[in-house]
């Protein structure tokens, strides 16, 4: 099989390499600045003052968020997949809802809730008759607070992939474990957890890349990281070389995360040898065990969705934005269209890239996929600048050619519409769908490809008739993740949106920047609501497909 696949390059592989090259253009455009002059005054100043803080805070965020999302995501996924307890069917889809809350929106909500004049501290002072200096209260606007916010926003990455892995492998493997006398805990640590390790590592890697690329939450909390340093160097100090050098260090962190994720797999292979999974009978929990399972699932749901969502709802109803109405319908439509188009394109491109790497079995397609995936950790506005430079030059050339042939000056053809913005989203979020598709594709044993070839199917037919049906649930998951990420995306949208084209994210940012947080709560709540509906629908559909 491998010898056959490695003879030449099928058309699918050539197409995948061309698409990957197109996706890599903005990243190359940004890193090309490193070929300019060496360290200047800006870089020397950053290295001697704030660079140690950037490195330390980034490491703290990576360790804290990595441990947190794995603990929360795996524990909740294991409970709802393998056990039966009151409310399990609700938690099964509700636990993904924090994905609809952007990290910067949650930062706004918890800051309003926990600040000195907020409702929590006010209640404590009034209830226990305390003066301001008589009690200690943790400050949310710290690196520890940022870790907590990121954990409860990003744990669904691990939850979705781990739950899919548990369900796919549960029916047969756990029955074997039960027949050997293994209880629930032994089954978890000795059977399910090792088999789900690739999915857990992929989800944790996605959460860490999202953490590394965040700008809104860390800036609002005043935590200096590489992303805030990149923005300061590029947009405040006007030094793109220093910004590119900081971006290169950030990419180094991302490359390390991806390397550790691949290293964790070793030489192990995790194939699923059946395309049909029987429904799990599940461990029935009673009494205190059932109550504990409910509390474990309820806590992240409350902290990641119900509390910030309730805070936003209260602010929106009490004051909110006076312009709420028809304009918000337009803002919601703009956000929904951009998210839907990008999600579909990202899934198609991810399948193409992942299948091309599977076909060849060589290092080049795999290396290209890893390089393309680095875009997820690059701040959105940096990618936007990396796109604007080559695309604007292409736009000017196309306009001049049209004018030379027709005498009509069409203006900017590419950067004046949403096409360039969708392109930026693809560069930014392709890693989300690519990680998910690659993880699921790796679980399909190569013997299925052999069987397809023996029946006379080519590469495209094998993908269409064999792999895609098996990947259906994972493709839905990949599309879901990209859709919600685009709904929340802010920096690239601010830089690349067409004139008079606003989204819910830009509306919330504009108002929050003017310290009109209660007015910004309306747009922020709309982001959550628009993101929640497809989350519920797609999560329910995934759960239904797993049970059939």
Protein backbone atom coordinates (compact mmCIF):
# COMPACT_ATOMS: atom_id res chain seq x y z
CA UNK A 1 0.00 0.00 0.00
CA UNK A 2 2.66 2.50 1.05
CA UNK A 3 4.84 1.63 -1.91
CA UNK A 4 1.92 2.26 -4.22
CA UNK A 5 0.98 5.56 -2.65
CA UNK A 6 4.49 6.92 -2.79
CA UNK A 7 4.87 6.51 -6.54
CA UNK A 8 4.53 10.03 -7.86
CA UNK A 9 2.14 12.67 -6.64
CA UNK A 10 -1.59 12.25 -7.28
CA UNK A 11 -3.61 15.27 -8.39
CA UNK A 12 -5.05 15.60 -4.88
CA UNK A 13 -1.55 16.00 -3.44
CA UNK A 14 -0.59 18.65 -5.99
CA UNK A 15 -3.80 20.56 -5.26
CA UNK A 16 -3.15 20.31 -1.52
CA UNK A 17 0.36 21.69 -1.90
CA UNK A 18 -0.93 24.64 -3.94
CA UNK A 19 -3.59 25.41 -1.33
CA UNK A 20 -1.03 25.12 1.47
CA UNK A 21 1.28 27.52 -0.34
CA UNK A 22 -1.56 30.03 -0.62
CA UNK A 23 -2.37 29.71 3.08
CA UNK A 24 1.32 30.14 3.98
CA UNK A 25 1.76 33.42 2.06
CA UNK A 26 0.75 35.74 4.94
CA UNK A 27 2.97 33.89 7.43
CA UNK A 28 5.89 34.12 5.02
CA UNK A 29 5.12 37.78 4.45
CA UNK A 30 5.37 38.47 8.17
CA UNK A 31 8.49 36.37 8.81
CA UNK A 32 10.21 37.91 5.77
CA UNK A 33 10.76 41.02 7.90
CA UNK A 34 13.33 39.04 9.86
CA UNK A 35 15.59 39.19 6.81
CA UNK A 36 15.81 42.95 7.20
CA UNK A 37 18.34 44.78 9.34
CA UNK A 38 19.37 43.26 12.63
CA UNK A 39 18.23 44.28 16.06
CA UNK A 40 17.42 47.97 16.23
CA UNK A 41 16.83 50.33 19.11
CA UNK A 42 13.27 49.10 19.62
CA UNK A 43 14.32 45.46 19.94
CA UNK A 44 17.17 46.33 22.29
CA UNK A 45 14.77 48.31 24.45
CA UNK A 46 12.23 45.47 24.51
CA UNK A 47 14.88 42.84 25.26
CA UNK A 48 16.26 44.80 28.22
CA UNK A 49 12.92 45.78 29.76
CA UNK A 50 9.81 43.75 29.00
CA UNK A 51 10.97 40.64 27.11
CA UNK A 52 11.60 38.62 30.32
CA UNK A 53 8.03 39.42 31.42
CA UNK A 54 6.72 38.33 28.01
CA UNK A 55 8.51 34.98 28.29
CA UNK A 56 7.57 34.35 31.95
CA UNK A 57 3.89 35.27 31.54
CA UNK A 58 3.61 33.23 28.35
CA UNK A 59 5.11 30.18 30.07
CA UNK A 60 2.78 30.58 33.06
CA UNK A 61 -0.24 30.84 30.77
CA UNK A 62 0.83 27.78 28.76
CA UNK A 63 1.37 25.59 31.83
CA UNK A 64 -1.72 26.79 33.69
CA UNK A 65 -4.08 26.64 30.72
CA UNK A 66 -2.66 23.35 29.45
CA UNK A 67 -3.18 21.58 32.77
CA UNK A 68 -6.55 23.22 33.34
CA UNK A 69 -8.16 22.42 29.99
CA UNK A 70 -7.00 18.80 30.12
CA UNK A 71 -8.34 18.26 33.65
CA UNK A 72 -11.68 19.95 32.98
CA UNK A 73 -12.15 18.71 29.41
CA UNK A 74 -11.19 15.06 30.02
CA UNK A 75 -13.11 14.71 33.29
CA UNK A 76 -16.34 16.11 31.86
CA UNK A 77 -15.97 14.15 28.60
CA UNK A 78 -15.41 10.90 30.52
CA UNK A 79 -18.42 11.48 32.76
CA UNK A 80 -20.94 12.25 30.00
CA UNK A 81 -19.58 9.55 27.65
CA UNK A 82 -19.25 6.55 29.92
CA UNK A 83 -21.59 7.23 32.84
CA UNK A 84 -25.29 7.71 33.32
CA UNK A 85 -26.43 10.27 35.91
CA UNK A 86 -29.19 12.90 36.23
CA UNK A 87 -28.81 15.66 33.64
CA UNK A 88 -26.23 13.82 31.53
CA UNK A 89 -28.16 14.40 28.27
CA UNK A 90 -28.24 18.14 29.00
CA UNK A 91 -24.58 18.37 29.97
CA UNK A 92 -23.68 16.41 26.84
CA UNK A 93 -24.42 19.43 24.62
CA UNK A 94 -24.37 22.25 27.19
CA UNK A 95 -20.70 21.77 28.08
CA UNK A 96 -19.65 23.19 24.68
CA UNK A 97 -21.47 26.50 25.28
CA UNK A 98 -18.44 28.37 26.72
CA UNK A 99 -16.97 28.27 23.21
CA UNK A 100 -19.53 30.92 22.28
CA UNK A 101 -18.11 33.37 24.85
CA UNK A 102 -15.00 35.23 23.61
CA UNK A 103 -12.18 35.45 26.13
CA UNK A 104 -12.23 39.25 26.03
CA UNK A 105 -16.00 39.27 26.66
CA UNK A 106 -15.56 36.97 29.67
CA UNK A 107 -12.79 39.26 30.91
CA UNK A 108 -15.17 42.22 30.73
CA UNK A 109 -17.94 40.31 32.52
CA UNK A 110 -15.79 39.01 35.39
CA UNK A 111 -14.07 42.34 35.87
CA UNK A 112 -17.46 44.03 36.28
CA UNK A 113 -18.62 41.23 38.58
CA UNK A 114 -15.54 41.01 40.83
CA UNK A 115 -14.21 44.57 40.96
CA UNK A 116 -14.32 46.57 44.22
CA UNK A 117 -17.62 48.30 43.34
CA UNK A 118 -19.01 45.15 41.71
CA UNK A 119 -21.90 43.10 43.10
CA UNK A 120 -19.77 40.36 44.73
CA UNK A 121 -17.56 42.58 46.88
CA UNK A 122 -20.45 44.93 47.62
CA UNK A 123 -22.50 41.96 48.88
CA UNK A 124 -19.60 40.76 51.04
CA UNK A 125 -19.16 44.18 52.66
CA UNK A 126 -22.86 44.66 53.29
CA UNK A 127 -23.52 41.12 54.53
CA UNK A 128 -20.57 40.84 56.94
CA UNK A 129 -20.29 44.58 57.75
CA UNK A 130 -16.72 44.82 56.48
CA UNK A 131 -14.67 47.90 55.75
CA UNK A 132 -12.47 48.05 52.62
CA UNK A 133 -9.27 47.25 54.56
CA UNK A 134 -10.70 44.41 56.63
CA UNK A 135 -10.77 41.68 54.02
CA UNK A 136 -8.71 40.30 51.17
CA UNK A 137 -10.21 39.58 47.77
CA UNK A 138 -8.31 38.08 44.79
CA UNK A 139 -7.63 40.37 41.85
CA UNK A 140 -8.98 38.96 38.61
CA UNK A 141 -6.78 41.24 36.51
CA UNK A 142 -3.61 39.18 36.96
CA UNK A 143 -1.88 36.38 35.08
CA UNK A 144 -3.64 33.88 37.37
CA UNK A 145 -6.99 35.44 36.54
CA UNK A 146 -6.16 35.23 32.85
CA UNK A 147 -5.37 31.50 33.26
CA UNK A 148 -8.76 30.89 34.88
CA UNK A 149 -10.59 32.80 32.14
CA UNK A 150 -8.80 30.88 29.37
CA UNK A 151 -9.38 27.49 31.02
CA UNK A 152 -13.14 27.94 31.25
CA UNK A 153 -13.36 29.41 27.74
CA UNK A 154 -11.14 26.87 26.00
CA UNK A 155 -11.75 23.55 27.78
CA UNK A 156 -14.44 22.61 25.16
CA UNK A 157 -11.63 22.03 22.65
CA UNK A 158 -10.44 19.10 24.77
CA UNK A 159 -13.99 18.11 25.76
CA UNK A 160 -15.24 17.77 22.17
CA UNK A 161 -12.28 15.76 20.88
CA UNK A 162 -11.92 13.60 24.00
CA UNK A 163 -15.64 12.85 24.08
CA UNK A 164 -15.57 11.83 20.41
CA UNK A 165 -12.61 9.54 21.11
CA UNK A 166 -14.27 7.97 24.18
CA UNK A 167 -17.50 7.29 22.28
CA UNK A 168 -15.76 5.87 19.21
CA UNK A 169 -13.76 3.38 21.25
CA UNK A 170 -16.02 2.79 24.19
CA UNK A 171 -18.30 -0.03 23.09
CA UNK A 172 -15.72 -2.71 22.39
CA UNK A 173 -12.73 -1.73 24.49
CA UNK A 174 -14.62 -1.11 27.71
CA UNK A 175 -16.49 -4.39 27.40
CA UNK A 176 -13.12 -6.13 27.21
CA UNK A 177 -11.98 -4.21 30.27
CA UNK A 178 -15.11 -5.18 32.16
CA UNK A 179 -14.60 -8.83 31.24
CA UNK A 180 -11.12 -8.60 32.77
CA UNK A 181 -12.57 -7.27 36.02
CA UNK A 182 -11.57 -3.64 35.58
CA UNK A 183 -13.72 -1.08 37.38
CA UNK A 184 -14.57 2.39 36.06
CA UNK A 185 -11.34 4.05 37.28
CA UNK A 186 -9.06 1.24 36.12
CA UNK A 187 -10.86 1.18 32.76
CA UNK A 188 -10.32 4.92 32.46
CA UNK A 189 -6.59 4.97 33.23
CA UNK A 190 -5.62 1.68 31.56
CA UNK A 191 -7.91 1.58 28.50
CA UNK A 192 -9.77 4.76 27.55
CA UNK A 193 -7.19 7.42 28.46
CA UNK A 194 -4.28 5.89 26.52
CA UNK A 195 -6.49 5.37 23.45
CA UNK A 196 -7.83 8.93 23.62
CA UNK A 197 -4.39 10.49 24.08
CA UNK A 198 -4.05 11.79 20.49
CA UNK A 199 -7.42 13.54 20.69
CA UNK A 200 -6.64 15.01 24.12
CA UNK A 201 -3.24 16.24 22.95
CA UNK A 202 -4.77 17.80 19.83
CA UNK A 203 -7.43 19.60 21.88
CA UNK A 204 -4.86 20.88 24.37
CA UNK A 205 -2.65 22.09 21.51
CA UNK A 206 -5.57 24.04 20.02
CA UNK A 207 -6.32 25.62 23.40
CA UNK A 208 -2.68 26.61 23.90
CA UNK A 209 -2.42 28.13 20.44
CA UNK A 210 -5.57 30.14 21.12
CA UNK A 211 -4.04 31.30 24.42
CA UNK A 212 -0.79 32.32 22.77
CA UNK A 213 -2.64 34.33 20.11
CA UNK A 214 -5.05 36.14 22.44
CA UNK A 215 -4.84 39.90 22.57
CA UNK A 216 -8.10 41.23 24.01
CA UNK A 217 -8.19 39.46 27.39
CA UNK A 218 -4.50 39.81 28.31
CA UNK A 219 -4.50 43.46 27.27
CA UNK A 220 -7.61 44.22 29.31
CA UNK A 221 -6.09 42.43 32.33
CA UNK A 222 -2.78 44.27 31.87
CA UNK A 223 -0.76 41.05 31.48
CA UNK A 224 2.24 41.63 29.16
CA UNK A 225 2.64 38.76 26.68
CA UNK A 226 4.12 38.31 23.23
CA UNK A 227 0.87 39.31 21.53
CA UNK A 228 0.57 42.59 23.40
CA UNK A 229 4.25 43.23 22.66
CA UNK A 230 3.72 42.58 18.95
CA UNK A 231 0.85 45.06 18.81
CA UNK A 232 2.83 47.66 20.72
CA UNK A 233 5.93 47.27 18.54
CA UNK A 234 3.98 47.29 15.26
CA UNK A 235 1.12 49.70 15.80
CA UNK A 236 2.37 51.98 18.61
CA UNK A 237 6.12 52.11 17.99
CA UNK A 238 5.87 51.58 14.22
CA UNK A 239 8.75 49.06 14.13
CA UNK A 240 7.67 46.09 12.00
CA UNK A 241 11.10 44.42 12.32
CA UNK A 242 10.85 44.29 16.13
CA UNK A 243 7.27 43.09 15.83
CA UNK A 244 8.37 40.35 13.42
CA UNK A 245 11.12 39.29 15.83
CA UNK A 246 8.59 38.99 18.66
CA UNK A 247 6.27 37.10 16.32
CA UNK A 248 9.10 34.71 15.50
CA UNK A 249 9.56 33.96 19.20
CA UNK A 250 5.82 33.42 19.49
CA UNK A 251 5.92 31.01 16.56
CA UNK A 252 8.73 29.23 18.37
CA UNK A 253 6.41 28.65 21.34
CA UNK A 254 3.73 27.32 18.98
CA UNK A 255 6.21 25.03 17.23
CA UNK A 256 7.25 23.70 20.64
CA UNK A 257 3.60 23.01 21.55
CA UNK A 258 3.04 21.13 18.29
CA UNK A 259 6.31 19.22 18.69
CA UNK A 260 5.39 18.11 22.21
CA UNK A 261 1.94 17.06 20.98
CA UNK A 262 3.49 14.90 18.24
CA UNK A 263 6.15 13.58 20.62
CA UNK A 264 3.46 12.47 23.07
CA UNK A 265 2.17 10.03 20.46
CA UNK A 266 5.56 8.40 19.89
CA UNK A 267 5.36 5.52 17.46
CA UNK A 268 1.98 4.42 18.70
CA UNK A 269 -0.92 4.08 16.28
CA UNK A 270 -4.54 4.49 17.28
CA UNK A 271 -6.71 2.94 14.56
CA UNK A 272 -10.38 2.19 14.86
CA UNK A 273 -11.12 -1.11 13.16
CA UNK A 274 -14.88 -0.70 12.90
CA UNK A 275 -16.94 1.96 11.22
CA UNK A 276 -19.94 1.33 13.48
CA UNK A 277 -19.97 1.92 17.22
CA UNK A 278 -22.60 0.35 19.43
CA UNK A 279 -24.21 2.61 22.03
CA UNK A 280 -22.56 2.41 25.44
CA UNK A 281 -24.58 0.86 28.24
CA UNK A 282 -22.76 3.20 30.67
CA UNK A 283 -21.99 3.04 34.39
CA UNK A 284 -25.10 4.05 36.33
CA UNK A 285 -24.21 6.46 39.16
CA UNK A 286 -26.31 6.81 42.30
CA UNK A 287 -26.27 8.87 45.47
CA UNK A 288 -23.18 10.92 46.24
CA UNK A 289 -21.41 9.69 43.11
CA UNK A 290 -24.23 11.02 40.94
CA UNK A 291 -24.20 14.32 42.83
CA UNK A 292 -20.43 14.58 42.39
CA UNK A 293 -20.74 13.97 38.63
CA UNK A 294 -23.41 16.68 38.38
CA UNK A 295 -21.22 19.17 40.28
CA UNK A 296 -18.13 18.38 38.19
CA UNK A 297 -20.08 19.06 34.98
CA UNK A 298 -22.01 22.02 36.37
CA UNK A 299 -18.99 23.99 37.65
CA UNK A 300 -17.28 24.63 34.27
CA UNK A 301 -20.66 25.29 32.66
CA UNK A 302 -21.47 27.90 35.30
CA UNK A 303 -18.07 29.61 35.31
CA UNK A 304 -17.63 29.43 31.54
CA UNK A 305 -21.13 30.33 30.36
CA UNK A 306 -23.92 30.89 32.88
CA UNK A 307 -22.18 33.46 35.11
CA UNK A 308 -20.67 35.64 32.33
CA UNK A 309 -23.79 35.22 30.21
CA UNK A 310 -26.01 36.22 33.13
CA UNK A 311 -23.80 39.23 33.86
CA UNK A 312 -23.99 40.38 30.25
CA UNK A 313 -27.75 39.83 30.18
CA UNK A 314 -28.21 41.92 33.34
CA UNK A 315 -26.08 44.77 31.97
CA UNK A 316 -27.83 44.64 28.58
CA UNK A 317 -31.31 44.73 30.14
CA UNK A 318 -30.50 47.37 32.75
CA UNK A 319 -28.79 49.81 30.36
CA UNK A 320 -27.41 48.26 27.15
CA UNK A 321 -26.96 49.92 23.77
CA UNK A 322 -29.56 52.50 22.77
CA UNK A 323 -29.02 51.55 19.10
CA UNK A 324 -30.23 47.98 19.59
CA UNK A 325 -32.67 46.98 16.86
CA UNK A 326 -32.41 46.70 13.10
CA UNK A 327 -28.68 47.42 13.11
CA UNK A 328 -28.04 44.35 15.24
CA UNK A 329 -29.86 42.17 12.76
CA UNK A 330 -27.43 43.38 10.12
CA UNK A 331 -24.43 42.89 12.43
CA UNK A 332 -25.58 39.35 13.26
CA UNK A 333 -26.10 38.54 9.58
CA UNK A 334 -22.60 39.80 8.68
CA UNK A 335 -21.03 37.74 11.45
CA UNK A 336 -23.04 34.61 10.59
CA UNK A 337 -22.23 34.74 6.85
CA UNK A 338 -18.51 35.22 7.46
CA UNK A 339 -18.43 32.37 9.99
CA UNK A 340 -20.42 29.94 7.81
CA UNK A 341 -18.38 30.55 4.65
CA UNK A 342 -15.08 30.26 6.51
CA UNK A 343 -16.13 27.09 8.37
CA UNK A 344 -17.10 25.32 5.14
CA UNK A 345 -13.89 26.39 3.38
CA UNK A 346 -11.73 25.41 6.36
CA UNK A 347 -13.20 21.89 6.51
CA UNK A 348 -12.72 21.36 2.76
CA UNK A 349 -9.11 22.58 2.88
CA UNK A 350 -8.35 20.55 6.02
CA UNK A 351 -9.63 17.33 4.42
CA UNK A 352 -7.55 18.05 1.31
CA UNK A 353 -4.34 18.70 3.27
CA UNK A 354 -4.77 15.81 5.72
CA UNK A 355 -5.66 13.29 2.99
CA UNK A 356 -2.72 14.40 0.85
CA UNK A 357 -0.34 13.75 3.75
CA UNK A 358 -1.92 10.31 4.23
CA UNK A 359 -1.58 9.45 0.54
CA UNK A 360 2.10 10.22 0.18
CA UNK A 361 3.39 9.15 3.58
CA UNK A 362 6.35 11.48 2.98
CA UNK A 363 7.76 14.27 5.12
CA UNK A 364 6.99 17.22 2.80
CA UNK A 365 3.16 17.30 3.04
CA UNK A 366 3.33 16.72 6.79
CA UNK A 367 5.85 19.54 7.22
CA UNK A 368 3.64 21.84 5.12
CA UNK A 369 0.65 21.02 7.30
CA UNK A 370 2.60 21.81 10.45
CA UNK A 371 3.80 25.13 9.00
CA UNK A 372 0.30 26.10 7.85
CA UNK A 373 -1.02 25.32 11.33
CA UNK A 374 1.28 27.92 12.90
CA UNK A 375 -1.06 30.66 11.70
CA UNK A 376 -3.42 29.88 14.57
CA UNK A 377 -0.99 31.40 17.08
CA UNK A 378 -0.23 34.55 15.08
CA UNK A 379 -2.34 37.55 16.18
CA UNK A 380 -5.14 38.31 13.76
CA UNK A 381 -4.00 41.82 12.91
CA UNK A 382 -0.46 40.62 12.17
CA UNK A 383 -1.90 38.09 9.73
CA UNK A 384 -4.06 40.88 8.30
CA UNK A 385 -0.97 43.00 7.64
CA UNK A 386 0.79 39.98 6.15
CA UNK A 387 -2.16 39.56 3.78
CA UNK A 388 -2.63 43.22 2.95
CA UNK A 389 0.92 43.67 1.69
CA UNK A 390 0.89 40.97 -1.08
CA UNK A 391 -2.86 41.13 -1.78
CA UNK A 392 -2.86 44.91 -2.20
CA UNK A 393 0.03 44.66 -4.65
CA UNK A 394 -1.86 41.97 -6.56
CA UNK A 395 -4.99 44.11 -6.45
CA UNK A 396 -3.16 47.10 -7.90
CA UNK A 397 -1.66 44.95 -10.66
CA UNK A 398 -5.05 43.42 -11.55
CA UNK A 399 -6.66 46.85 -11.63
CA UNK A 400 -3.97 48.19 -13.93
CA UNK A 401 -4.35 45.20 -16.25
CA UNK A 402 -8.13 45.61 -16.44
CA UNK A 403 -7.71 49.31 -17.12
CA UNK A 404 -5.11 48.64 -19.82
CA UNK A 405 -7.40 46.15 -21.60
CA UNK A 406 -10.76 47.86 -21.15
CA UNK A 407 -10.01 51.49 -20.30
CA UNK A 408 -12.09 51.13 -17.13
CA UNK A 409 -10.51 51.51 -13.69
CA UNK A 410 -12.28 48.98 -11.39
CA UNK A 411 -10.47 50.00 -8.22
CA UNK A 412 -9.55 47.39 -5.59
CA UNK A 413 -11.09 44.06 -6.53
CA UNK A 414 -9.85 41.79 -3.73
CA UNK A 415 -9.30 43.99 -0.67
CA UNK A 416 -12.56 45.88 -1.12
CA UNK A 417 -14.78 42.87 -0.33
CA UNK A 418 -15.07 40.09 2.19
CA UNK A 419 -12.93 37.69 0.15
CA UNK A 420 -9.68 38.92 1.66
CA UNK A 421 -11.25 38.81 5.13
CA UNK A 422 -12.29 35.17 4.66
CA UNK A 423 -8.75 34.49 3.44
CA UNK A 424 -7.39 35.96 6.70
CA UNK A 425 -9.79 33.82 8.73
CA UNK A 426 -8.65 30.69 6.88
CA UNK A 427 -5.01 31.44 7.63
CA UNK A 428 -5.88 32.14 11.26
CA UNK A 429 -8.20 29.21 11.98
CA UNK A 430 -7.23 26.45 9.54
CA UNK A 431 -5.26 24.71 12.29
CA UNK A 432 -8.50 24.17 14.22
CA UNK A 433 -10.09 22.05 11.50
CA UNK A 434 -6.77 20.52 10.39
CA UNK A 435 -5.93 19.18 13.86
CA UNK A 436 -9.40 17.69 14.22
CA UNK A 437 -9.44 16.06 10.77
CA UNK A 438 -5.89 14.71 11.07
CA UNK A 439 -6.62 13.16 14.46
CA UNK A 440 -9.74 11.41 13.15
CA UNK A 441 -8.13 10.36 9.87
CA UNK A 442 -5.25 8.76 11.76
CA UNK A 443 -7.73 6.44 13.48
CA UNK A 444 -8.85 4.91 10.16
CA UNK A 445 -6.73 1.83 9.62
CA UNK A 446 -4.76 1.67 6.33
CA UNK A 447 -6.34 -1.70 5.58
CA UNK A 448 -9.48 0.18 4.58
CA UNK A 449 -7.46 1.97 1.90
CA UNK A 450 -6.14 -1.40 0.74
CA UNK A 451 -9.67 -2.78 0.50
CA UNK A 452 -10.83 0.24 -1.47
CA UNK A 453 -7.91 -0.07 -3.89
CA UNK A 454 -8.63 -3.76 -4.38
CA UNK A 455 -12.17 -2.81 -5.47
CA UNK A 456 -10.76 -0.50 -8.14
CA UNK A 457 -11.43 2.85 -6.43
CA UNK A 458 -9.00 5.69 -7.01
CA UNK A 459 -7.78 8.20 -4.43
CA UNK A 460 -10.72 10.59 -4.86
CA UNK A 461 -13.29 7.79 -4.80
CA UNK A 462 -11.70 6.30 -1.67
CA UNK A 463 -11.92 9.66 0.04
CA UNK A 464 -15.54 10.15 -1.01
CA UNK A 465 -16.89 6.64 -0.35
CA UNK A 466 -14.74 5.41 2.53
CA UNK A 467 -13.16 8.20 4.54
CA UNK A 468 -15.77 10.95 4.46
CA UNK A 469 -18.60 8.78 5.88
CA UNK A 470 -16.30 7.68 8.72
CA UNK A 471 -15.21 11.29 9.34
CA UNK A 472 -18.73 12.75 9.40
CA UNK A 473 -18.84 13.45 13.13
CA UNK A 474 -15.31 14.85 13.18
CA UNK A 475 -16.03 17.12 10.20
CA UNK A 476 -19.06 18.50 12.03
CA UNK A 477 -16.86 19.11 15.06
CA UNK A 478 -14.23 20.87 12.93
CA UNK A 479 -16.83 23.08 11.27
CA UNK A 480 -18.34 23.91 14.65
CA UNK A 481 -15.01 24.99 16.12
CA UNK A 482 -14.13 27.22 13.17
CA UNK A 483 -17.61 28.76 13.03
CA UNK A 484 -17.53 29.86 16.67
CA UNK A 485 -13.93 31.09 16.43
CA UNK A 486 -14.80 33.33 13.46
CA UNK A 487 -17.85 34.66 15.32
CA UNK A 488 -15.54 35.81 18.12
CA UNK A 489 -12.58 37.01 16.00
CA UNK A 490 -11.72 40.67 16.44
CA UNK A 491 -8.24 41.94 15.35
CA UNK A 492 -8.22 40.78 11.72
CA UNK A 493 -11.80 41.98 11.28
CA UNK A 494 -10.89 45.45 12.53
CA UNK A 495 -8.00 45.73 10.08
CA UNK A 496 -9.46 44.08 6.97
CA UNK A 497 -13.22 44.66 7.00
CA UNK A 498 -14.63 46.56 4.01
CA UNK A 499 -15.87 50.09 4.50
CA UNK A 500 -19.22 50.31 6.30
CA UNK A 501 -19.03 46.60 7.14
CA UNK A 502 -19.26 45.89 10.86
CA UNK A 503 -19.70 42.73 12.89
CA UNK A 504 -20.85 42.04 16.42
CA UNK A 505 -17.22 41.78 17.56
CA UNK A 506 -16.18 45.17 16.16
CA UNK A 507 -19.27 46.80 17.68
CA UNK A 508 -18.50 45.38 21.14
CA UNK A 509 -14.83 46.38 20.88
CA UNK A 510 -15.58 49.92 19.78
CA UNK A 511 -17.92 50.54 22.70
CA UNK A 512 -15.68 48.83 25.27
CA UNK A 513 -12.70 50.88 24.08
CA UNK A 514 -14.69 54.00 24.90
CA UNK A 515 -15.30 52.65 28.43
CA UNK A 516 -18.99 52.11 27.58
CA UNK A 517 -19.01 48.59 28.95
CA UNK A 518 -22.73 48.41 29.67
CA UNK A 519 -23.49 49.47 26.10
CA UNK A 520 -20.92 46.98 24.78
CA UNK A 521 -22.72 44.24 26.69
CA UNK A 522 -25.53 44.23 24.11
CA UNK A 523 -23.23 43.39 21.19
CA UNK A 524 -21.22 41.00 23.37
CA UNK A 525 -24.40 39.19 24.39
CA UNK A 526 -25.46 39.02 20.74
CA UNK A 527 -22.13 37.30 19.91
CA UNK A 528 -22.89 34.71 22.56
CA UNK A 529 -26.48 34.18 21.42
CA UNK A 530 -25.61 33.86 17.71
CA UNK A 531 -22.77 31.47 18.59
CA UNK A 532 -24.88 29.39 20.97
CA UNK A 533 -27.55 28.37 18.45
CA UNK A 534 -25.26 26.49 16.01
CA UNK A 535 -23.32 25.10 18.98
CA UNK A 536 -26.45 23.49 20.39
CA UNK A 537 -27.64 22.24 17.01
CA UNK A 538 -24.32 20.77 15.88
CA UNK A 539 -23.45 19.31 19.27
CA UNK A 540 -26.85 17.61 19.40
CA UNK A 541 -26.35 16.26 15.88
CA UNK A 542 -22.90 14.93 16.75
CA UNK A 543 -24.28 13.22 19.85
CA UNK A 544 -27.12 11.73 17.80
CA UNK A 545 -24.73 10.42 15.14
CA UNK A 546 -22.58 8.79 17.83
CA UNK A 547 -25.56 7.00 19.34
CA UNK A 548 -26.76 5.51 16.03
